[in-house]
Structure formats: C-alpha cells, structure tokens
Amino acid sequence: WLLAYEFFKPGAAAEQTEKHVAKKEATVEMEPFVVNLAGAQPARY
C-alpha cells in the first residue's frame, strides 16, 4: 500500500501538469539541413 501510494500519489498528475503549464514550452521546427560531411571519400551527405 505504501509503495502504491507513493507511486500513484494523489495530485501527482496535476502537479506535473502545473509544472508543464508554468514552463509554457514551445517547439520550433527548423527546415531540413543538407550538408556534406567531413572526411569522407567518396562524399557523404
């Protein structure tokens, strides 16, 4: 019971959600990069 209580602690999900909302992370997707790699013969991309 003690292990289950600690693992499924009431309010733990709400606490995680609050942290995530407080951070207000954002994601930016960059356009693809195509580059020649160093030191390869023949050329590698």
PDB file of all heavy atoms in Angstrom:
ATOM      1  N   TRP A   1       0.834  -1.205   0.000  1.00  0.00           N
ATOM      2  CA  TRP A   1       0.000   0.000   0.000  1.00  0.00           C
ATOM      3  C   TRP A   1       0.869   1.256   0.000  1.00  0.00           C
ATOM      4  O   TRP A   1       0.609   2.199  -0.741  1.00  0.00           O
ATOM      5  CB  TRP A   1      -0.916   0.013   1.226  1.00  0.00           C
ATOM      6  CG  TRP A   1      -1.750   1.263   1.287  1.00  0.00           C
ATOM      7  CD1 TRP A   1      -2.929   1.482   0.669  1.00  0.00           C
ATOM      8  CD2 TRP A   1      -1.441   2.464   1.979  1.00  0.00           C
ATOM      9  NE1 TRP A   1      -3.383   2.756   0.929  1.00  0.00           N
ATOM     10  CE2 TRP A   1      -2.473   3.380   1.737  1.00  0.00           C
ATOM     11  CE3 TRP A   1      -0.386   2.859   2.790  1.00  0.00           C
ATOM     12  CZ2 TRP A   1      -2.486   4.661   2.273  1.00  0.00           C
ATOM     13  CZ3 TRP A   1      -0.397   4.132   3.332  1.00  0.00           C
ATOM     14  CH2 TRP A   1      -1.451   5.017   3.058  1.00  0.00           C
ATOM     15  N   LEU A   2       1.926   1.272   0.809  1.00  0.00           N
ATOM     16  CA  LEU A   2       2.809   2.437   0.886  1.00  0.00           C
ATOM     17  C   LEU A   2       3.488   2.689  -0.464  1.00  0.00           C
ATOM     18  O   LEU A   2       3.546   3.829  -0.941  1.00  0.00           O
ATOM     19  CB  LEU A   2       3.858   2.243   1.985  1.00  0.00           C
ATOM     20  CG  LEU A   2       4.812   3.409   2.223  1.00  0.00           C
ATOM     21  CD1 LEU A   2       4.022   4.631   2.673  1.00  0.00           C
ATOM     22  CD2 LEU A   2       5.853   3.046   3.258  1.00  0.00           C
ATOM     23  N   LEU A   3       3.991   1.638  -1.093  1.00  0.00           N
ATOM     24  CA  LEU A   3       4.620   1.795  -2.409  1.00  0.00           C
ATOM     25  C   LEU A   3       3.612   2.279  -3.448  1.00  0.00           C
ATOM     26  O   LEU A   3       3.913   3.165  -4.248  1.00  0.00           O
ATOM     27  CB  LEU A   3       5.250   0.477  -2.863  1.00  0.00           C
ATOM     28  CG  LEU A   3       6.532   0.078  -2.142  1.00  0.00           C
ATOM     29  CD1 LEU A   3       6.962  -1.313  -2.568  1.00  0.00           C
ATOM     30  CD2 LEU A   3       7.632   1.082  -2.392  1.00  0.00           C
ATOM     31  N   ALA A   4       2.426   1.699  -3.440  1.00  0.00           N
ATOM     32  CA  ALA A   4       1.399   2.105  -4.390  1.00  0.00           C
ATOM     33  C   ALA A   4       0.982   3.552  -4.144  1.00  0.00           C
ATOM     34  O   ALA A   4       0.780   4.315  -5.090  1.00  0.00           O
ATOM     35  CB  ALA A   4       0.183   1.180  -4.294  1.00  0.00           C
ATOM     36  N   TYR A   5       0.881   3.953  -2.904  1.00  0.00           N
ATOM     37  CA  TYR A   5       0.502   5.327  -2.579  1.00  0.00           C
ATOM     38  C   TYR A   5       1.558   6.310  -3.085  1.00  0.00           C
ATOM     39  O   TYR A   5       1.239   7.336  -3.653  1.00  0.00           O
ATOM     40  CB  TYR A   5       0.309   5.481  -1.067  1.00  0.00           C
ATOM     41  CG  TYR A   5      -0.089   6.884  -0.679  1.00  0.00           C
ATOM     42  CD1 TYR A   5      -1.408   7.297  -0.826  1.00  0.00           C
ATOM     43  CD2 TYR A   5       0.843   7.789  -0.202  1.00  0.00           C
ATOM     44  CE1 TYR A   5      -1.786   8.585  -0.489  1.00  0.00           C
ATOM     45  CE2 TYR A   5       0.479   9.080   0.138  1.00  0.00           C
ATOM     46  CZ  TYR A   5      -0.836   9.474  -0.007  1.00  0.00           C
ATOM     47  OH  TYR A   5      -1.209  10.749   0.315  1.00  0.00           O
ATOM     48  N   GLU A   6       2.821   5.975  -2.881  1.00  0.00           N
ATOM     49  CA  GLU A   6       3.894   6.857  -3.349  1.00  0.00           C
ATOM     50  C   GLU A   6       3.923   6.909  -4.881  1.00  0.00           C
ATOM     51  O   GLU A   6       4.175   7.952  -5.465  1.00  0.00           O
ATOM     52  CB  GLU A   6       5.252   6.390  -2.824  1.00  0.00           C
ATOM     53  CG  GLU A   6       5.472   6.672  -1.367  1.00  0.00           C
ATOM     54  CD  GLU A   6       5.461   8.160  -1.055  1.00  0.00           C
ATOM     55  OE1 GLU A   6       6.073   8.933  -1.796  1.00  0.00           O
ATOM     56  OE2 GLU A   6       4.823   8.537  -0.052  1.00  0.00           O
ATOM     57  N   PHE A   7       3.689   5.790  -5.518  1.00  0.00           N
ATOM     58  CA  PHE A   7       3.741   5.735  -6.982  1.00  0.00           C
ATOM     59  C   PHE A   7       2.545   6.448  -7.602  1.00  0.00           C
ATOM     60  O   PHE A   7       2.689   7.197  -8.553  1.00  0.00           O
ATOM     61  CB  PHE A   7       3.798   4.279  -7.453  1.00  0.00           C
ATOM     62  CG  PHE A   7       4.022   4.142  -8.922  1.00  0.00           C
ATOM     63  CD1 PHE A   7       5.260   4.411  -9.473  1.00  0.00           C
ATOM     64  CD2 PHE A   7       2.989   3.761  -9.772  1.00  0.00           C
ATOM     65  CE1 PHE A   7       5.479   4.307 -10.826  1.00  0.00           C
ATOM     66  CE2 PHE A   7       3.198   3.649 -11.134  1.00  0.00           C
ATOM     67  CZ  PHE A   7       4.455   3.917 -11.654  1.00  0.00           C
ATOM     68  N   PHE A   8       1.373   6.197  -7.060  1.00  0.00           N
ATOM     69  CA  PHE A   8       0.146   6.802  -7.589  1.00  0.00           C
ATOM     70  C   PHE A   8      -0.338   7.911  -6.659  1.00  0.00           C
ATOM     71  O   PHE A   8      -1.517   8.029  -6.382  1.00  0.00           O
ATOM     72  CB  PHE A   8      -0.960   5.752  -7.732  1.00  0.00           C
ATOM     73  CG  PHE A   8      -0.625   4.652  -8.689  1.00  0.00           C
ATOM     74  CD1 PHE A   8      -0.319   3.385  -8.236  1.00  0.00           C
ATOM     75  CD2 PHE A   8      -0.608   4.889 -10.043  1.00  0.00           C
ATOM     76  CE1 PHE A   8      -0.007   2.368  -9.119  1.00  0.00           C
ATOM     77  CE2 PHE A   8      -0.293   3.899 -10.935  1.00  0.00           C
ATOM     78  CZ  PHE A   8       0.005   2.629 -10.476  1.00  0.00           C
ATOM     79  N   LYS A   9       0.582   8.721  -6.206  1.00  0.00           N
ATOM     80  CA  LYS A   9       0.273   9.775  -5.241  1.00  0.00           C
ATOM     81  C   LYS A   9      -0.841  10.679  -5.771  1.00  0.00           C
ATOM     82  O   LYS A   9      -0.764  11.157  -6.894  1.00  0.00           O
ATOM     83  CB  LYS A   9       1.519  10.608  -4.977  1.00  0.00           C
ATOM     84  CG  LYS A   9       1.376  11.579  -3.843  1.00  0.00           C
ATOM     85  CD  LYS A   9       2.649  12.360  -3.653  1.00  0.00           C
ATOM     86  CE  LYS A   9       3.632  11.508  -2.886  1.00  0.00           C
ATOM     87  NZ  LYS A   9       4.832  12.253  -2.529  1.00  0.00           N
ATOM     88  N   PRO A  10      -1.867  10.924  -4.967  1.00  0.00           N
ATOM     89  CA  PRO A  10      -2.941  11.805  -5.403  1.00  0.00           C
ATOM     90  C   PRO A  10      -2.388  13.196  -5.684  1.00  0.00           C
ATOM     91  O   PRO A  10      -1.612  13.739  -4.918  1.00  0.00           O
ATOM     92  CB  PRO A  10      -3.900  11.843  -4.206  1.00  0.00           C
ATOM     93  CG  PRO A  10      -3.543  10.670  -3.371  1.00  0.00           C
ATOM     94  CD  PRO A  10      -2.114  10.363  -3.652  1.00  0.00           C
ATOM     95  N   GLY A  11      -2.780  13.750  -6.816  1.00  0.00           N
ATOM     96  CA  GLY A  11      -2.339  15.090  -7.171  1.00  0.00           C
ATOM     97  C   GLY A  11      -1.019  15.119  -7.911  1.00  0.00           C
ATOM     98  O   GLY A  11      -0.577  16.176  -8.334  1.00  0.00           O
ATOM     99  N   ALA A  12      -0.333  13.989  -8.071  1.00  0.00           N
ATOM    100  CA  ALA A  12       0.958  13.980  -8.764  1.00  0.00           C
ATOM    101  C   ALA A  12       0.783  14.369 -10.228  1.00  0.00           C
ATOM    102  O   ALA A  12       1.584  15.115 -10.779  1.00  0.00           O
ATOM    103  CB  ALA A  12       1.618  12.607  -8.662  1.00  0.00           C
ATOM    104  N   ALA A  13      -0.272  13.877 -10.864  1.00  0.00           N
ATOM    105  CA  ALA A  13      -0.513  14.229 -12.267  1.00  0.00           C
ATOM    106  C   ALA A  13      -0.830  15.712 -12.400  1.00  0.00           C
ATOM    107  O   ALA A  13      -0.351  16.382 -13.311  1.00  0.00           O
ATOM    108  CB  ALA A  13      -1.655  13.391 -12.836  1.00  0.00           C
ATOM    109  N   ALA A  14      -1.616  16.242 -11.468  1.00  0.00           N
ATOM    110  CA  ALA A  14      -1.940  17.669 -11.508  1.00  0.00           C
ATOM    111  C   ALA A  14      -0.699  18.508 -11.278  1.00  0.00           C
ATOM    112  O   ALA A  14      -0.504  19.547 -11.904  1.00  0.00           O
ATOM    113  CB  ALA A  14      -2.990  17.988 -10.453  1.00  0.00           C
ATOM    114  N   GLU A  15       0.183  18.040 -10.403  1.00  0.00           N
ATOM    115  CA  GLU A  15       1.427  18.757 -10.126  1.00  0.00           C
ATOM    116  C   GLU A  15       2.313  18.795 -11.369  1.00  0.00           C
ATOM    117  O   GLU A  15       2.895  19.825 -11.698  1.00  0.00           O
ATOM    118  CB  GLU A  15       2.148  18.053  -8.969  1.00  0.00           C
ATOM    119  CG  GLU A  15       3.341  18.781  -8.435  1.00  0.00           C
ATOM    120  CD  GLU A  15       3.927  18.029  -7.249  1.00  0.00           C
ATOM    121  OE1 GLU A  15       3.202  17.818  -6.262  1.00  0.00           O
ATOM    122  OE2 GLU A  15       5.107  17.661  -7.326  1.00  0.00           O
ATOM    123  N   GLN A  16       2.421  17.667 -12.078  1.00  0.00           N
ATOM    124  CA  GLN A  16       3.204  17.617 -13.316  1.00  0.00           C
ATOM    125  C   GLN A  16       2.607  18.541 -14.363  1.00  0.00           C
ATOM    126  O   GLN A  16       3.323  19.224 -15.076  1.00  0.00           O
ATOM    127  CB  GLN A  16       3.274  16.187 -13.864  1.00  0.00           C
ATOM    128  CG  GLN A  16       4.147  15.266 -13.052  1.00  0.00           C
ATOM    129  CD  GLN A  16       5.608  15.599 -13.211  1.00  0.00           C
ATOM    130  OE1 GLN A  16       6.059  16.680 -12.827  1.00  0.00           O
ATOM    131  NE2 GLN A  16       6.349  14.694 -13.778  1.00  0.00           N
ATOM    132  N   THR A  17       1.288  18.553 -14.483  1.00  0.00           N
ATOM    133  CA  THR A  17       0.629  19.415 -15.456  1.00  0.00           C
ATOM    134  C   THR A  17       0.887  20.877 -15.124  1.00  0.00           C
ATOM    135  O   THR A  17       1.157  21.673 -16.016  1.00  0.00           O
ATOM    136  CB  THR A  17      -0.885  19.126 -15.483  1.00  0.00           C
ATOM    137  OG1 THR A  17      -1.080  17.745 -15.761  1.00  0.00           O
ATOM    138  CG2 THR A  17      -1.585  19.965 -16.526  1.00  0.00           C
ATOM    139  N   GLU A  18       0.831  21.225 -13.843  1.00  0.00           N
ATOM    140  CA  GLU A  18       1.095  22.597 -13.435  1.00  0.00           C
ATOM    141  C   GLU A  18       2.509  23.021 -13.787  1.00  0.00           C
ATOM    142  O   GLU A  18       2.738  24.126 -14.257  1.00  0.00           O
ATOM    143  CB  GLU A  18       0.876  22.751 -11.927  1.00  0.00           C
ATOM    144  CG  GLU A  18      -0.573  22.740 -11.522  1.00  0.00           C
ATOM    145  CD  GLU A  18      -0.729  22.777 -10.004  1.00  0.00           C
ATOM    146  OE1 GLU A  18       0.238  23.127  -9.296  1.00  0.00           O
ATOM    147  OE2 GLU A  18      -1.824  22.431  -9.535  1.00  0.00           O
ATOM    148  N   LYS A  19       3.475  22.124 -13.583  1.00  0.00           N
ATOM    149  CA  LYS A  19       4.861  22.437 -13.930  1.00  0.00           C
ATOM    150  C   LYS A  19       4.985  22.676 -15.426  1.00  0.00           C
ATOM    151  O   LYS A  19       5.663  23.591 -15.864  1.00  0.00           O
ATOM    152  CB  LYS A  19       5.792  21.298 -13.506  1.00  0.00           C
ATOM    153  CG  LYS A  19       6.060  21.255 -12.030  1.00  0.00           C
ATOM    154  CD  LYS A  19       7.003  20.122 -11.710  1.00  0.00           C
ATOM    155  CE  LYS A  19       7.234  19.976 -10.226  1.00  0.00           C
ATOM    156  NZ  LYS A  19       8.090  18.834  -9.910  1.00  0.00           N
ATOM    157  N   HIS A  20       4.340  21.818 -16.222  1.00  0.00           N
ATOM    158  CA  HIS A  20       4.420  21.947 -17.677  1.00  0.00           C
ATOM    159  C   HIS A  20       3.768  23.247 -18.142  1.00  0.00           C
ATOM    160  O   HIS A  20       4.293  23.947 -18.992  1.00  0.00           O
ATOM    161  CB  HIS A  20       3.773  20.748 -18.360  1.00  0.00           C
ATOM    162  CG  HIS A  20       3.919  20.758 -19.842  1.00  0.00           C
ATOM    163  ND1 HIS A  20       5.129  20.585 -20.466  1.00  0.00           N
ATOM    164  CD2 HIS A  20       3.014  20.956 -20.831  1.00  0.00           C
ATOM    165  CE1 HIS A  20       4.968  20.665 -21.766  1.00  0.00           C
ATOM    166  NE2 HIS A  20       3.695  20.888 -22.022  1.00  0.00           N
ATOM    167  N   VAL A  21       2.620  23.571 -17.570  1.00  0.00           N
ATOM    168  CA  VAL A  21       1.929  24.800 -17.949  1.00  0.00           C
ATOM    169  C   VAL A  21       2.737  26.007 -17.509  1.00  0.00           C
ATOM    170  O   VAL A  21       2.839  26.996 -18.221  1.00  0.00           O
ATOM    171  CB  VAL A  21       0.504  24.824 -17.347  1.00  0.00           C
ATOM    172  CG1 VAL A  21      -0.126  26.186 -17.493  1.00  0.00           C
ATOM    173  CG2 VAL A  21      -0.354  23.762 -18.011  1.00  0.00           C
ATOM    174  N   ALA A  22       3.349  25.930 -16.331  1.00  0.00           N
ATOM    175  CA  ALA A  22       4.132  27.056 -15.836  1.00  0.00           C
ATOM    176  C   ALA A  22       5.321  27.330 -16.740  1.00  0.00           C
ATOM    177  O   ALA A  22       5.701  28.466 -16.952  1.00  0.00           O
ATOM    178  CB  ALA A  22       4.598  26.772 -14.418  1.00  0.00           C
ATOM    179  N   LYS A  23       5.918  26.273 -17.285  1.00  0.00           N
ATOM    180  CA  LYS A  23       7.053  26.448 -18.175  1.00  0.00           C
ATOM    181  C   LYS A  23       6.644  27.039 -19.507  1.00  0.00           C
ATOM    182  O   LYS A  23       7.374  27.811 -20.103  1.00  0.00           O
ATOM    183  CB  LYS A  23       7.740  25.094 -18.421  1.00  0.00           C
ATOM    184  CG  LYS A  23       8.858  24.800 -17.486  1.00  0.00           C
ATOM    185  CD  LYS A  23       9.507  23.521 -17.906  1.00  0.00           C
ATOM    186  CE  LYS A  23      11.001  23.648 -17.883  1.00  0.00           C
ATOM    187  NZ  LYS A  23      11.685  22.442 -18.222  1.00  0.00           N
ATOM    188  N   LYS A  24       5.479  26.643 -20.009  1.00  0.00           N
ATOM    189  CA  LYS A  24       4.975  27.094 -21.305  1.00  0.00           C
ATOM    190  C   LYS A  24       6.015  26.899 -22.400  1.00  0.00           C
ATOM    191  O   LYS A  24       6.418  27.829 -23.079  1.00  0.00           O
ATOM    192  CB  LYS A  24       4.524  28.549 -21.236  1.00  0.00           C
ATOM    193  CG  LYS A  24       3.331  28.740 -20.351  1.00  0.00           C
ATOM    194  CD  LYS A  24       2.831  30.153 -20.400  1.00  0.00           C
ATOM    195  CE  LYS A  24       1.641  30.296 -19.477  1.00  0.00           C
ATOM    196  NZ  LYS A  24       1.131  31.635 -19.429  1.00  0.00           N
ATOM    197  N   GLU A  25       6.472  25.658 -22.517  1.00  0.00           N
ATOM    198  CA  GLU A  25       7.451  25.338 -23.546  1.00  0.00           C
ATOM    199  C   GLU A  25       6.840  25.549 -24.926  1.00  0.00           C
ATOM    200  O   GLU A  25       5.637  25.450 -25.103  1.00  0.00           O
ATOM    201  CB  GLU A  25       7.903  23.886 -23.409  1.00  0.00           C
ATOM    202  CG  GLU A  25       8.664  23.609 -22.147  1.00  0.00           C
ATOM    203  CD  GLU A  25       9.028  22.144 -22.021  1.00  0.00           C
ATOM    204  OE1 GLU A  25       8.375  21.296 -22.660  1.00  0.00           O
ATOM    205  OE2 GLU A  25       9.961  21.854 -21.276  1.00  0.00           O
ATOM    206  N   ALA A  26       7.693  25.831 -25.869  1.00  0.00           N
ATOM    207  CA  ALA A  26       7.273  25.970 -27.260  1.00  0.00           C
ATOM    208  C   ALA A  26       8.215  25.148 -28.113  1.00  0.00           C
ATOM    209  O   ALA A  26       9.371  24.932 -27.757  1.00  0.00           O
ATOM    210  CB  ALA A  26       7.316  27.437 -27.680  1.00  0.00           C
ATOM    211  N   THR A  27       7.715  24.693 -29.236  1.00  0.00           N
ATOM    212  CA  THR A  27       8.525  23.915 -30.157  1.00  0.00           C
ATOM    213  C   THR A  27       8.630  24.644 -31.477  1.00  0.00           C
ATOM    214  O   THR A  27       7.642  25.164 -31.985  1.00  0.00           O
ATOM    215  CB  THR A  27       7.891  22.522 -30.393  1.00  0.00           C
ATOM    216  OG1 THR A  27       7.741  21.875 -29.130  1.00  0.00           O
ATOM    217  CG2 THR A  27       8.757  21.666 -31.279  1.00  0.00           C
ATOM    218  N   VAL A  28       9.853  24.665 -32.015  1.00  0.00           N
ATOM    219  CA  VAL A  28      10.104  25.261 -33.327  1.00  0.00           C
ATOM    220  C   VAL A  28      10.694  24.181 -34.210  1.00  0.00           C
ATOM    221  O   VAL A  28      11.665  23.531 -33.838  1.00  0.00           O
ATOM    222  CB  VAL A  28      11.092  26.451 -33.222  1.00  0.00           C
ATOM    223  CG1 VAL A  28      11.467  26.959 -34.597  1.00  0.00           C
ATOM    224  CG2 VAL A  28      10.510  27.549 -32.380  1.00  0.00           C
ATOM    225  N   GLU A  29      10.078  23.989 -35.360  1.00  0.00           N
ATOM    226  CA  GLU A  29      10.615  23.029 -36.314  1.00  0.00           C
ATOM    227  C   GLU A  29      11.431  23.786 -37.342  1.00  0.00           C
ATOM    228  O   GLU A  29      10.935  24.715 -37.974  1.00  0.00           O
ATOM    229  CB  GLU A  29       9.475  22.245 -36.972  1.00  0.00           C
ATOM    230  CG  GLU A  29       8.751  21.367 -35.975  1.00  0.00           C
ATOM    231  CD  GLU A  29       7.732  20.459 -36.620  1.00  0.00           C
ATOM    232  OE1 GLU A  29       7.659  20.402 -37.860  1.00  0.00           O
ATOM    233  OE2 GLU A  29       7.014  19.800 -35.871  1.00  0.00           O
ATOM    234  N   MET A  30      12.678  23.367 -37.467  1.00  0.00           N
ATOM    235  CA  MET A  30      13.564  24.027 -38.420  1.00  0.00           C
ATOM    236  C   MET A  30      13.465  23.332 -39.769  1.00  0.00           C
ATOM    237  O   MET A  30      13.164  22.137 -39.844  1.00  0.00           O
ATOM    238  CB  MET A  30      15.000  24.007 -37.905  1.00  0.00           C
ATOM    239  CG  MET A  30      15.148  24.746 -36.586  1.00  0.00           C
ATOM    240  SD  MET A  30      16.843  25.083 -36.166  1.00  0.00           S
ATOM    241  CE  MET A  30      17.183  26.457 -37.244  1.00  0.00           C
ATOM    242  N   GLU A  31      13.728  24.086 -40.833  1.00  0.00           N
ATOM    243  CA  GLU A  31      13.741  23.495 -42.163  1.00  0.00           C
ATOM    244  C   GLU A  31      14.879  22.492 -42.239  1.00  0.00           C
ATOM    245  O   GLU A  31      15.889  22.637 -41.551  1.00  0.00           O
ATOM    246  CB  GLU A  31      13.914  24.588 -43.216  1.00  0.00           C
ATOM    247  CG  GLU A  31      12.708  25.490 -43.320  1.00  0.00           C
ATOM    248  CD  GLU A  31      12.853  26.496 -44.454  1.00  0.00           C
ATOM    249  OE1 GLU A  31      13.548  26.200 -45.441  1.00  0.00           O
ATOM    250  OE2 GLU A  31      12.268  27.574 -44.321  1.00  0.00           O
ATOM    251  N   PRO A  32      14.757  21.473 -43.097  1.00  0.00           N
ATOM    252  CA  PRO A  32      15.801  20.436 -43.178  1.00  0.00           C
ATOM    253  C   PRO A  32      17.167  21.016 -43.557  1.00  0.00           C
ATOM    254  O   PRO A  32      17.263  21.985 -44.302  1.00  0.00           O
ATOM    255  CB  PRO A  32      15.292  19.508 -44.275  1.00  0.00           C
ATOM    256  CG  PRO A  32      13.837  19.766 -44.359  1.00  0.00           C
ATOM    257  CD  PRO A  32      13.636  21.188 -43.977  1.00  0.00           C
ATOM    258  N   PHE A  33      18.197  20.388 -43.024  1.00  0.00           N
ATOM    259  CA  PHE A  33      19.580  20.718 -43.348  1.00  0.00           C
ATOM    260  C   PHE A  33      20.122  19.625 -44.262  1.00  0.00           C
ATOM    261  O   PHE A  33      19.912  18.442 -43.999  1.00  0.00           O
ATOM    262  CB  PHE A  33      20.449  20.746 -42.085  1.00  0.00           C
ATOM    263  CG  PHE A  33      20.123  21.858 -41.152  1.00  0.00           C
ATOM    264  CD1 PHE A  33      19.165  21.691 -40.160  1.00  0.00           C
ATOM    265  CD2 PHE A  33      20.774  23.071 -41.250  1.00  0.00           C
ATOM    266  CE1 PHE A  33      18.862  22.715 -39.284  1.00  0.00           C
ATOM    267  CE2 PHE A  33      20.476  24.108 -40.376  1.00  0.00           C
ATOM    268  CZ  PHE A  33      19.517  23.927 -39.396  1.00  0.00           C
ATOM    269  N   VAL A  34      20.821  20.005 -45.306  1.00  0.00           N
ATOM    270  CA  VAL A  34      21.531  19.059 -46.162  1.00  0.00           C
ATOM    271  C   VAL A  34      22.961  19.571 -46.252  1.00  0.00           C
ATOM    272  O   VAL A  34      23.198  20.672 -46.758  1.00  0.00           O
ATOM    273  CB  VAL A  34      20.911  18.948 -47.567  1.00  0.00           C
ATOM    274  CG1 VAL A  34      21.702  17.975 -48.424  1.00  0.00           C
ATOM    275  CG2 VAL A  34      19.458  18.510 -47.475  1.00  0.00           C
ATOM    276  N   VAL A  35      23.910  18.784 -45.719  1.00  0.00           N
ATOM    277  CA  VAL A  35      25.313  19.212 -45.691  1.00  0.00           C
ATOM    278  C   VAL A  35      26.216  18.078 -46.141  1.00  0.00           C
ATOM    279  O   VAL A  35      25.870  16.900 -46.021  1.00  0.00           O
ATOM    280  CB  VAL A  35      25.740  19.678 -44.280  1.00  0.00           C
ATOM    281  CG1 VAL A  35      24.954  20.896 -43.832  1.00  0.00           C
ATOM    282  CG2 VAL A  35      25.624  18.565 -43.274  1.00  0.00           C
ATOM    283  N   ASN A  36      27.375  18.463 -46.663  1.00  0.00           N
ATOM    284  CA  ASN A  36      28.446  17.492 -46.927  1.00  0.00           C
ATOM    285  C   ASN A  36      29.111  17.182 -45.600  1.00  0.00           C
ATOM    286  O   ASN A  36      29.383  18.091 -44.816  1.00  0.00           O
ATOM    287  CB  ASN A  36      29.499  18.090 -47.869  1.00  0.00           C
ATOM    288  CG  ASN A  36      28.953  18.364 -49.242  1.00  0.00           C
ATOM    289  OD1 ASN A  36      28.154  17.608 -49.760  1.00  0.00           O
ATOM    290  ND2 ASN A  36      29.397  19.464 -49.823  1.00  0.00           N
ATOM    291  N   LEU A  37      29.387  15.907 -45.364  1.00  0.00           N
ATOM    292  CA  LEU A  37      30.067  15.535 -44.130  1.00  0.00           C
ATOM    293  C   LEU A  37      31.572  15.580 -44.340  1.00  0.00           C
ATOM    294  O   LEU A  37      32.066  15.399 -45.456  1.00  0.00           O
ATOM    295  CB  LEU A  37      29.626  14.141 -43.681  1.00  0.00           C
ATOM    296  CG  LEU A  37      28.173  14.048 -43.235  1.00  0.00           C
ATOM    297  CD1 LEU A  37      27.780  12.607 -42.984  1.00  0.00           C
ATOM    298  CD2 LEU A  37      27.931  14.895 -41.995  1.00  0.00           C
ATOM    299  N   ALA A  38      32.298  15.802 -43.271  1.00  0.00           N
ATOM    300  CA  ALA A  38      33.752  15.921 -43.333  1.00  0.00           C
ATOM    301  C   ALA A  38      34.410  14.557 -43.502  1.00  0.00           C
ATOM    302  O   ALA A  38      33.893  13.536 -43.063  1.00  0.00           O
ATOM    303  CB  ALA A  38      34.267  16.587 -42.064  1.00  0.00           C
ATOM    304  N   GLY A  39      35.558  14.568 -44.152  1.00  0.00           N
ATOM    305  CA  GLY A  39      36.458  13.422 -44.194  1.00  0.00           C
ATOM    306  C   GLY A  39      36.008  12.204 -44.964  1.00  0.00           C
ATOM    307  O   GLY A  39      36.622  11.164 -44.849  1.00  0.00           O
ATOM    308  N   ALA A  40      34.987  12.272 -45.719  1.00  0.00           N
ATOM    309  CA  ALA A  40      34.511  11.070 -46.409  1.00  0.00           C
ATOM    310  C   ALA A  40      34.914  11.096 -47.876  1.00  0.00           C
ATOM    311  O   ALA A  40      34.763  12.097 -48.557  1.00  0.00           O
ATOM    312  CB  ALA A  40      33.007  10.963 -46.291  1.00  0.00           C
ATOM    313  N   GLN A  41      35.467   9.988 -48.321  1.00  0.00           N
ATOM    314  CA  GLN A  41      35.758   9.811 -49.739  1.00  0.00           C
ATOM    315  C   GLN A  41      35.127   8.504 -50.147  1.00  0.00           C
ATOM    316  O   GLN A  41      35.517   7.463 -49.635  1.00  0.00           O
ATOM    317  CB  GLN A  41      37.273   9.782 -50.001  1.00  0.00           C
ATOM    318  CG  GLN A  41      37.948  11.099 -49.767  1.00  0.00           C
ATOM    319  CD  GLN A  41      37.420  12.196 -50.688  1.00  0.00           C
ATOM    320  OE1 GLN A  41      36.994  11.945 -51.805  1.00  0.00           O
ATOM    321  NE2 GLN A  41      37.441  13.421 -50.195  1.00  0.00           N
ATOM    322  N   PRO A  42      34.199   8.426 -50.998  1.00  0.00           N
ATOM    323  CA  PRO A  42      33.532   9.498 -51.717  1.00  0.00           C
ATOM    324  C   PRO A  42      32.683  10.346 -50.766  1.00  0.00           C
ATOM    325  O   PRO A  42      32.461   9.969 -49.619  1.00  0.00           O
ATOM    326  CB  PRO A  42      32.643   8.767 -52.726  1.00  0.00           C
ATOM    327  CG  PRO A  42      32.361   7.455 -52.086  1.00  0.00           C
ATOM    328  CD  PRO A  42      33.607   7.118 -51.288  1.00  0.00           C
ATOM    329  N   ALA A  43      32.206  11.453 -51.267  1.00  0.00           N
ATOM    330  CA  ALA A  43      31.461  12.413 -50.453  1.00  0.00           C
ATOM    331  C   ALA A  43      30.234  11.761 -49.825  1.00  0.00           C
ATOM    332  O   ALA A  43      29.543  10.973 -50.457  1.00  0.00           O
ATOM    333  CB  ALA A  43      31.045  13.607 -51.300  1.00  0.00           C
ATOM    334  N   ARG A  44      29.997  12.089 -48.549  1.00  0.00           N
ATOM    335  CA  ARG A  44      28.814  11.614 -47.827  1.00  0.00           C
ATOM    336  C   ARG A  44      27.996  12.836 -47.444  1.00  0.00           C
ATOM    337  O   ARG A  44      28.533  13.901 -47.170  1.00  0.00           O
ATOM    338  CB  ARG A  44      29.210  10.856 -46.551  1.00  0.00           C
ATOM    339  CG  ARG A  44      30.159   9.686 -46.731  1.00  0.00           C
ATOM    340  CD  ARG A  44      29.539   8.406 -47.252  1.00  0.00           C
ATOM    341  NE  ARG A  44      28.468   7.854 -46.493  1.00  0.00           N
ATOM    342  CZ  ARG A  44      28.575   6.872 -45.594  1.00  0.00           C
ATOM    343  NH1 ARG A  44      29.744   6.369 -45.312  1.00  0.00           N
ATOM    344  NH2 ARG A  44      27.501   6.411 -44.991  1.00  0.00           N
ATOM    345  N   TYR A  45      26.690  12.652 -47.411  1.00  0.00           N
ATOM    346  CA  TYR A  45      25.773  13.753 -47.141  1.00  0.00           C
ATOM    347  C   TYR A  45      24.936  13.437 -45.915  1.00  0.00           C
ATOM    348  O   TYR A  45      24.634  12.281 -45.637  1.00  0.00           O
ATOM    349  CB  TYR A  45      24.835  13.986 -48.330  1.00  0.00           C
ATOM    350  CG  TYR A  45      25.568  14.249 -49.607  1.00  0.00           C
ATOM    351  CD1 TYR A  45      25.811  13.223 -50.516  1.00  0.00           C
ATOM    352  CD2 TYR A  45      26.029  15.523 -49.909  1.00  0.00           C
ATOM    353  CE1 TYR A  45      26.493  13.460 -51.687  1.00  0.00           C
ATOM    354  CE2 TYR A  45      26.711  15.774 -51.082  1.00  0.00           C
ATOM    355  CZ  TYR A  45      26.942  14.731 -51.979  1.00  0.00           C
ATOM    356  OH  TYR A  45      27.621  14.984 -53.125  1.00  0.00           O
TER     357      TYR A  45
END
